[in-house]
Amino acid sequence: MPDLVVLVRDADDKPERREGLEQARRGVADPSRIVIGVAEPEREAWVVAGFMPCDEQETDALAAERKRLGFDPTRQPHELGGNGKRSAKTALANLLVHDPERERRCLVEPPLLDLHQRGRHTGLAMFLDEIEERIVP
């Protein structure tokens, strides 16, 4: 058995997805090393929550997204979702210009407290709590 299993999935407005993952975890001999993350509404909102501009271009991109959306997507990532104006995928693309390395940095560089606070309504805080409870000890 692997040392750790991480199950992450978009909720896509289907709350039963968490229950399905929890049921799978209960079905194994040692569920203590299985961490579940369900992104509300989708994982791109988690990345947007961790976006902290690191240069003038990114600062300008965030200002443009604030104006386009009417709110700060990094502070209210739970307001993103769907395929319309508030699409998390669109907001992320506008902030990062499809840079996978920068996307990774959004999830590993910000202080955990910031990720936890910004992601409390997106499932990110719950995922971080699971890591802290199941893996860190």
N, C-alpha and C. Protein backbone atom coordinates (compact mmCIF):
# COMPACT_ATOMS: atom_id res chain seq x y z
N MET A 1 0.85 -1.19 0.00
CA MET A 1 0.00 0.00 0.00
C MET A 1 0.89 1.24 0.00
N PRO A 2 0.51 2.28 -0.72
CA PRO A 2 1.31 3.51 -0.72
C PRO A 2 1.29 4.18 0.65
N ASP A 3 2.28 5.04 0.88
CA ASP A 3 2.36 5.77 2.14
C ASP A 3 1.23 6.76 2.30
N LEU A 4 0.74 7.30 1.18
CA LEU A 4 -0.28 8.33 1.21
C LEU A 4 -1.09 8.28 -0.08
N VAL A 5 -2.39 8.48 0.05
CA VAL A 5 -3.26 8.58 -1.11
C VAL A 5 -4.02 9.90 -0.97
N VAL A 6 -4.00 10.71 -2.03
CA VAL A 6 -4.71 11.97 -2.05
C VAL A 6 -5.79 11.88 -3.12
N LEU A 7 -7.04 12.06 -2.69
CA LEU A 7 -8.17 12.03 -3.61
C LEU A 7 -8.73 13.45 -3.68
N VAL A 8 -8.61 14.08 -4.84
CA VAL A 8 -9.11 15.44 -5.03
C VAL A 8 -10.03 15.43 -6.24
N ARG A 9 -11.15 16.11 -6.07
CA ARG A 9 -12.14 16.13 -7.13
C ARG A 9 -12.92 17.43 -7.09
N ASP A 10 -13.35 17.91 -8.24
CA ASP A 10 -14.26 19.06 -8.30
C ASP A 10 -15.64 18.61 -7.84
N ALA A 11 -16.32 19.47 -7.09
CA ALA A 11 -17.69 19.16 -6.67
C ALA A 11 -18.66 19.38 -7.81
N ASP A 12 -18.42 20.42 -8.62
CA ASP A 12 -19.31 20.73 -9.74
C ASP A 12 -20.78 20.74 -9.31
N ASP A 13 -21.05 21.35 -8.16
CA ASP A 13 -22.41 21.46 -7.62
C ASP A 13 -23.06 20.11 -7.36
N LYS A 14 -22.25 19.11 -7.03
CA LYS A 14 -22.76 17.77 -6.71
C LYS A 14 -22.18 17.36 -5.34
N PRO A 15 -22.86 17.73 -4.25
CA PRO A 15 -22.32 17.46 -2.91
C PRO A 15 -22.12 15.97 -2.64
N GLU A 16 -22.79 15.11 -3.38
CA GLU A 16 -22.63 13.67 -3.15
C GLU A 16 -21.24 13.17 -3.53
N ARG A 17 -20.48 13.98 -4.25
CA ARG A 17 -19.12 13.55 -4.62
C ARG A 17 -18.24 13.36 -3.40
N ARG A 18 -18.38 14.20 -2.40
CA ARG A 18 -17.61 14.03 -1.16
C ARG A 18 -17.98 12.70 -0.50
N GLU A 19 -19.25 12.44 -0.42
CA GLU A 19 -19.69 11.19 0.21
C GLU A 19 -19.13 9.98 -0.52
N GLY A 20 -19.08 10.04 -1.84
CA GLY A 20 -18.51 8.93 -2.61
C GLY A 20 -17.04 8.71 -2.27
N LEU A 21 -16.28 9.78 -2.14
CA LEU A 21 -14.87 9.65 -1.78
C LEU A 21 -14.70 9.15 -0.35
N GLU A 22 -15.55 9.63 0.55
CA GLU A 22 -15.47 9.17 1.94
C GLU A 22 -15.84 7.69 2.05
N GLN A 23 -16.81 7.27 1.26
CA GLN A 23 -17.18 5.86 1.24
C GLN A 23 -16.01 5.01 0.75
N ALA A 24 -15.32 5.47 -0.28
CA ALA A 24 -14.15 4.74 -0.79
C ALA A 24 -13.08 4.65 0.28
N ARG A 25 -12.88 5.74 1.02
CA ARG A 25 -11.86 5.74 2.08
C ARG A 25 -12.24 4.73 3.17
N ARG A 26 -13.50 4.68 3.54
CA ARG A 26 -13.94 3.74 4.58
C ARG A 26 -13.78 2.29 4.15
N GLY A 27 -13.71 2.06 2.85
CA GLY A 27 -13.63 0.70 2.34
C GLY A 27 -12.23 0.10 2.29
N VAL A 28 -11.24 0.80 2.80
CA VAL A 28 -9.88 0.26 2.78
C VAL A 28 -9.45 -0.14 4.19
N ALA A 29 -8.44 -0.98 4.27
CA ALA A 29 -7.99 -1.50 5.56
C ALA A 29 -7.46 -0.39 6.48
N ASP A 30 -6.67 0.55 5.93
CA ASP A 30 -6.12 1.64 6.75
C ASP A 30 -6.47 2.98 6.12
N PRO A 31 -7.61 3.56 6.49
CA PRO A 31 -8.03 4.83 5.89
C PRO A 31 -7.30 6.05 6.43
N SER A 32 -6.44 5.87 7.41
CA SER A 32 -5.81 7.03 8.06
C SER A 32 -4.86 7.79 7.15
N ARG A 33 -4.35 7.17 6.11
CA ARG A 33 -3.39 7.82 5.21
C ARG A 33 -4.03 8.23 3.89
N ILE A 34 -5.35 8.38 3.89
CA ILE A 34 -6.05 8.82 2.69
C ILE A 34 -6.65 10.19 2.98
N VAL A 35 -6.29 11.18 2.17
CA VAL A 35 -6.74 12.55 2.33
C VAL A 35 -7.71 12.87 1.19
N ILE A 36 -8.82 13.51 1.55
CA ILE A 36 -9.84 13.85 0.56
C ILE A 36 -9.94 15.37 0.42
N GLY A 37 -10.02 15.82 -0.81
CA GLY A 37 -10.27 17.22 -1.10
C GLY A 37 -11.35 17.34 -2.15
N VAL A 38 -12.38 18.11 -1.84
CA VAL A 38 -13.45 18.35 -2.82
C VAL A 38 -13.52 19.85 -3.05
N ALA A 39 -13.18 20.26 -4.24
CA ALA A 39 -13.11 21.68 -4.59
C ALA A 39 -14.49 22.21 -4.96
N GLU A 40 -14.89 23.28 -4.29
CA GLU A 40 -16.17 23.95 -4.54
C GLU A 40 -15.88 25.27 -5.23
N PRO A 41 -16.30 25.54 -6.35
CA PRO A 41 -17.01 24.65 -7.25
C PRO A 41 -16.03 23.78 -8.05
N GLU A 42 -14.78 24.27 -8.17
CA GLU A 42 -13.77 23.53 -8.94
C GLU A 42 -12.38 23.92 -8.46
N ARG A 43 -11.40 23.09 -8.77
CA ARG A 43 -10.05 23.27 -8.23
C ARG A 43 -9.40 24.59 -8.65
N GLU A 44 -9.81 25.15 -9.76
CA GLU A 44 -9.23 26.43 -10.18
C GLU A 44 -9.48 27.53 -9.13
N ALA A 45 -10.58 27.43 -8.41
CA ALA A 45 -10.86 28.40 -7.34
C ALA A 45 -9.81 28.30 -6.23
N TRP A 46 -9.28 27.10 -5.99
CA TRP A 46 -8.22 26.93 -5.00
C TRP A 46 -6.96 27.68 -5.43
N VAL A 47 -6.63 27.58 -6.70
CA VAL A 47 -5.43 28.24 -7.22
C VAL A 47 -5.61 29.75 -7.16
N VAL A 48 -6.78 30.24 -7.55
CA VAL A 48 -7.06 31.68 -7.49
C VAL A 48 -6.95 32.17 -6.04
N ALA A 49 -7.41 31.37 -5.08
CA ALA A 49 -7.31 31.75 -3.67
C ALA A 49 -5.86 31.96 -3.25
N GLY A 50 -4.95 31.22 -3.85
CA GLY A 50 -3.53 31.33 -3.50
C GLY A 50 -2.75 32.32 -4.34
N PHE A 51 -3.42 32.98 -5.26
CA PHE A 51 -2.74 33.94 -6.12
C PHE A 51 -2.40 35.20 -5.34
N MET A 52 -1.12 35.50 -5.30
CA MET A 52 -0.63 36.74 -4.71
C MET A 52 0.31 37.35 -5.73
N PRO A 53 -0.04 38.51 -6.28
CA PRO A 53 0.77 39.09 -7.36
C PRO A 53 2.24 39.22 -6.94
N CYS A 54 3.11 38.85 -7.86
CA CYS A 54 4.55 38.93 -7.55
C CYS A 54 5.28 39.96 -8.43
N ASP A 55 4.55 40.63 -9.31
CA ASP A 55 5.17 41.68 -10.10
C ASP A 55 4.08 42.64 -10.59
N GLU A 56 4.49 43.67 -11.29
CA GLU A 56 3.54 44.69 -11.76
C GLU A 56 2.52 44.11 -12.74
N GLN A 57 2.96 43.22 -13.60
CA GLN A 57 2.05 42.61 -14.58
C GLN A 57 0.95 41.82 -13.87
N GLU A 58 1.31 41.07 -12.84
CA GLU A 58 0.31 40.30 -12.10
C GLU A 58 -0.60 41.21 -11.27
N THR A 59 -0.04 42.28 -10.75
CA THR A 59 -0.85 43.26 -10.02
C THR A 59 -1.90 43.86 -10.94
N ASP A 60 -1.49 44.21 -12.16
CA ASP A 60 -2.42 44.75 -13.16
C ASP A 60 -3.46 43.72 -13.56
N ALA A 61 -3.05 42.45 -13.70
CA ALA A 61 -3.99 41.39 -14.07
C ALA A 61 -5.05 41.21 -12.99
N LEU A 62 -4.64 41.28 -11.72
CA LEU A 62 -5.60 41.14 -10.64
C LEU A 62 -6.55 42.33 -10.61
N ALA A 63 -6.04 43.53 -10.83
CA ALA A 63 -6.90 44.71 -10.87
C ALA A 63 -7.93 44.58 -11.99
N ALA A 64 -7.51 44.07 -13.13
CA ALA A 64 -8.43 43.89 -14.26
C ALA A 64 -9.50 42.84 -13.93
N GLU A 65 -9.11 41.78 -13.25
CA GLU A 65 -10.10 40.76 -12.86
C GLU A 65 -11.08 41.30 -11.83
N ARG A 66 -10.58 42.10 -10.88
CA ARG A 66 -11.48 42.72 -9.90
C ARG A 66 -12.53 43.56 -10.62
N LYS A 67 -12.07 44.34 -11.58
CA LYS A 67 -12.98 45.21 -12.32
C LYS A 67 -13.96 44.39 -13.15
N ARG A 68 -13.47 43.38 -13.83
CA ARG A 68 -14.32 42.54 -14.69
C ARG A 68 -15.39 41.82 -13.88
N LEU A 69 -15.00 41.30 -12.72
CA LEU A 69 -15.91 40.50 -11.91
C LEU A 69 -16.77 41.32 -10.95
N GLY A 70 -16.24 42.45 -10.50
CA GLY A 70 -16.95 43.25 -9.50
C GLY A 70 -16.62 42.82 -8.08
N PHE A 71 -15.63 41.95 -7.91
CA PHE A 71 -15.15 41.52 -6.60
C PHE A 71 -13.73 40.99 -6.76
N ASP A 72 -13.03 40.83 -5.64
CA ASP A 72 -11.66 40.32 -5.68
C ASP A 72 -11.71 38.78 -5.66
N PRO A 73 -11.37 38.13 -6.75
CA PRO A 73 -11.48 36.67 -6.79
C PRO A 73 -10.51 35.96 -5.85
N THR A 74 -9.42 36.62 -5.46
CA THR A 74 -8.48 35.99 -4.53
C THR A 74 -9.02 35.99 -3.11
N ARG A 75 -9.88 36.93 -2.80
CA ARG A 75 -10.48 37.02 -1.46
C ARG A 75 -11.83 36.33 -1.40
N GLN A 76 -12.47 36.16 -2.55
CA GLN A 76 -13.80 35.54 -2.62
C GLN A 76 -13.84 34.48 -3.72
N PRO A 77 -12.92 33.51 -3.67
CA PRO A 77 -12.90 32.51 -4.73
C PRO A 77 -14.16 31.66 -4.79
N HIS A 78 -14.90 31.60 -3.70
CA HIS A 78 -16.15 30.84 -3.67
C HIS A 78 -17.23 31.48 -4.54
N GLU A 79 -17.02 32.73 -4.95
CA GLU A 79 -17.96 33.41 -5.85
C GLU A 79 -17.72 33.03 -7.31
N LEU A 80 -16.63 32.31 -7.56
CA LEU A 80 -16.32 31.88 -8.92
C LEU A 80 -17.03 30.56 -9.21
N GLY A 81 -17.22 30.29 -10.48
CA GLY A 81 -17.79 29.01 -10.86
C GLY A 81 -18.62 29.12 -12.12
N GLY A 82 -18.93 27.97 -12.66
CA GLY A 82 -19.74 27.94 -13.87
C GLY A 82 -18.96 28.32 -15.10
N ASN A 83 -19.69 28.54 -16.17
CA ASN A 83 -19.05 28.84 -17.45
C ASN A 83 -19.26 30.27 -17.90
N GLY A 84 -19.94 31.07 -17.12
CA GLY A 84 -20.23 32.44 -17.50
C GLY A 84 -19.15 33.40 -17.07
N LYS A 85 -19.56 34.61 -16.79
CA LYS A 85 -18.64 35.68 -16.42
C LYS A 85 -17.78 35.32 -15.21
N ARG A 86 -18.35 34.56 -14.29
CA ARG A 86 -17.65 34.22 -13.05
C ARG A 86 -16.88 32.91 -13.13
N SER A 87 -16.59 32.44 -14.28
CA SER A 87 -15.87 31.18 -14.44
C SER A 87 -14.52 31.21 -13.72
N ALA A 88 -14.30 30.21 -12.88
CA ALA A 88 -13.02 30.09 -12.19
C ALA A 88 -11.89 29.81 -13.20
N LYS A 89 -12.20 29.04 -14.21
CA LYS A 89 -11.19 28.74 -15.23
C LYS A 89 -10.76 30.01 -15.97
N THR A 90 -11.73 30.86 -16.29
CA THR A 90 -11.41 32.12 -16.98
C THR A 90 -10.61 33.04 -16.08
N ALA A 91 -11.03 33.18 -14.83
CA ALA A 91 -10.30 34.04 -13.89
C ALA A 91 -8.87 33.56 -13.74
N LEU A 92 -8.69 32.26 -13.60
CA LEU A 92 -7.33 31.72 -13.45
C LEU A 92 -6.50 31.98 -14.70
N ALA A 93 -7.08 31.75 -15.86
CA ALA A 93 -6.34 31.99 -17.12
C ALA A 93 -5.97 33.46 -17.25
N ASN A 94 -6.86 34.36 -16.85
CA ASN A 94 -6.57 35.79 -16.94
C ASN A 94 -5.48 36.22 -15.96
N LEU A 95 -5.38 35.54 -14.85
CA LEU A 95 -4.36 35.89 -13.86
C LEU A 95 -3.01 35.27 -14.19
N LEU A 96 -3.01 34.04 -14.67
CA LEU A 96 -1.75 33.29 -14.82
C LEU A 96 -1.32 33.06 -16.26
N VAL A 97 -2.14 33.36 -17.21
CA VAL A 97 -1.83 33.16 -18.63
C VAL A 97 -1.36 31.72 -18.88
N HIS A 98 -2.09 30.76 -18.30
CA HIS A 98 -1.82 29.33 -18.53
C HIS A 98 -0.38 28.93 -18.22
N ASP A 99 0.16 29.36 -17.10
CA ASP A 99 1.52 29.03 -16.70
C ASP A 99 1.45 27.97 -15.59
N PRO A 100 1.68 26.69 -15.91
CA PRO A 100 1.55 25.63 -14.91
C PRO A 100 2.49 25.81 -13.71
N GLU A 101 3.68 26.31 -13.94
CA GLU A 101 4.61 26.52 -12.83
C GLU A 101 4.09 27.61 -11.89
N ARG A 102 3.54 28.66 -12.44
CA ARG A 102 2.99 29.74 -11.60
C ARG A 102 1.76 29.22 -10.86
N GLU A 103 0.98 28.37 -11.50
CA GLU A 103 -0.17 27.78 -10.84
C GLU A 103 0.27 26.97 -9.62
N ARG A 104 1.29 26.16 -9.78
CA ARG A 104 1.83 25.38 -8.66
C ARG A 104 2.26 26.29 -7.52
N ARG A 105 2.92 27.38 -7.87
CA ARG A 105 3.40 28.31 -6.85
C ARG A 105 2.26 28.93 -6.05
N CYS A 106 1.09 29.10 -6.68
CA CYS A 106 -0.06 29.66 -5.97
C CYS A 106 -0.51 28.76 -4.83
N LEU A 107 -0.19 27.49 -4.92
CA LEU A 107 -0.61 26.55 -3.88
C LEU A 107 0.48 26.20 -2.88
N VAL A 108 1.72 26.57 -3.17
CA VAL A 108 2.80 26.22 -2.23
C VAL A 108 3.49 27.42 -1.60
N GLU A 109 3.37 28.60 -2.18
CA GLU A 109 4.09 29.76 -1.65
C GLU A 109 3.32 30.58 -0.61
N PRO A 110 2.01 30.77 -0.75
CA PRO A 110 1.31 31.61 0.23
C PRO A 110 1.34 30.97 1.62
N PRO A 111 1.31 31.79 2.66
CA PRO A 111 1.21 31.24 4.01
C PRO A 111 -0.04 30.37 4.15
N LEU A 112 0.07 29.27 4.87
CA LEU A 112 -1.07 28.36 5.04
C LEU A 112 -2.27 29.07 5.64
N LEU A 113 -2.03 30.01 6.52
CA LEU A 113 -3.14 30.75 7.12
C LEU A 113 -3.94 31.50 6.05
N ASP A 114 -3.23 32.11 5.10
CA ASP A 114 -3.91 32.81 4.00
C ASP A 114 -4.72 31.85 3.14
N LEU A 115 -4.12 30.71 2.79
CA LEU A 115 -4.84 29.72 1.98
C LEU A 115 -6.08 29.22 2.73
N HIS A 116 -5.92 29.00 4.02
CA HIS A 116 -7.02 28.51 4.83
C HIS A 116 -8.16 29.54 4.88
N GLN A 117 -7.82 30.78 5.12
CA GLN A 117 -8.85 31.82 5.21
C GLN A 117 -9.52 32.07 3.87
N ARG A 118 -8.73 32.21 2.83
CA ARG A 118 -9.30 32.50 1.51
C ARG A 118 -10.09 31.32 0.96
N GLY A 119 -9.71 30.11 1.34
CA GLY A 119 -10.34 28.92 0.80
C GLY A 119 -11.38 28.28 1.69
N ARG A 120 -11.84 29.00 2.71
CA ARG A 120 -12.77 28.38 3.67
C ARG A 120 -14.11 28.01 3.06
N HIS A 121 -14.53 28.67 1.99
CA HIS A 121 -15.82 28.33 1.36
C HIS A 121 -15.65 27.58 0.05
N THR A 122 -14.43 27.13 -0.24
CA THR A 122 -14.18 26.43 -1.50
C THR A 122 -13.79 24.97 -1.30
N GLY A 123 -13.73 24.52 -0.07
CA GLY A 123 -13.27 23.17 0.22
C GLY A 123 -11.78 23.11 0.47
N LEU A 124 -11.05 24.17 0.16
CA LEU A 124 -9.60 24.17 0.36
C LEU A 124 -9.26 24.10 1.85
N ALA A 125 -9.95 24.86 2.67
CA ALA A 125 -9.66 24.85 4.12
C ALA A 125 -9.91 23.45 4.69
N MET A 126 -10.98 22.81 4.26
CA MET A 126 -11.28 21.46 4.74
C MET A 126 -10.18 20.47 4.31
N PHE A 127 -9.70 20.64 3.08
CA PHE A 127 -8.62 19.79 2.57
C PHE A 127 -7.34 20.01 3.39
N LEU A 128 -7.00 21.25 3.67
CA LEU A 128 -5.82 21.55 4.48
C LEU A 128 -5.98 20.99 5.89
N ASP A 129 -7.18 21.06 6.44
CA ASP A 129 -7.44 20.47 7.76
C ASP A 129 -7.21 18.96 7.74
N GLU A 130 -7.66 18.29 6.69
CA GLU A 130 -7.45 16.85 6.57
C GLU A 130 -5.97 16.52 6.53
N ILE A 131 -5.22 17.30 5.78
CA ILE A 131 -3.77 17.07 5.72
C ILE A 131 -3.16 17.23 7.10
N GLU A 132 -3.56 18.29 7.78
CA GLU A 132 -3.02 18.54 9.12
C GLU A 132 -3.39 17.42 10.10
N GLU A 133 -4.61 16.94 10.04
CA GLU A 133 -5.07 15.91 10.97
C GLU A 133 -4.52 14.52 10.64
N ARG A 134 -4.45 14.18 9.37
CA ARG A 134 -4.11 12.81 8.99
C ARG A 134 -2.65 12.62 8.64
N ILE A 135 -1.99 13.63 8.13
CA ILE A 135 -0.64 13.45 7.60
C ILE A 135 0.44 14.07 8.50
N VAL A 136 0.21 15.28 8.94
CA VAL A 136 1.24 16.00 9.69
C VAL A 136 1.67 15.27 10.97
N PRO A 137 0.74 14.72 11.77
CA PRO A 137 1.18 14.04 13.00
C PRO A 137 2.11 12.88 12.68
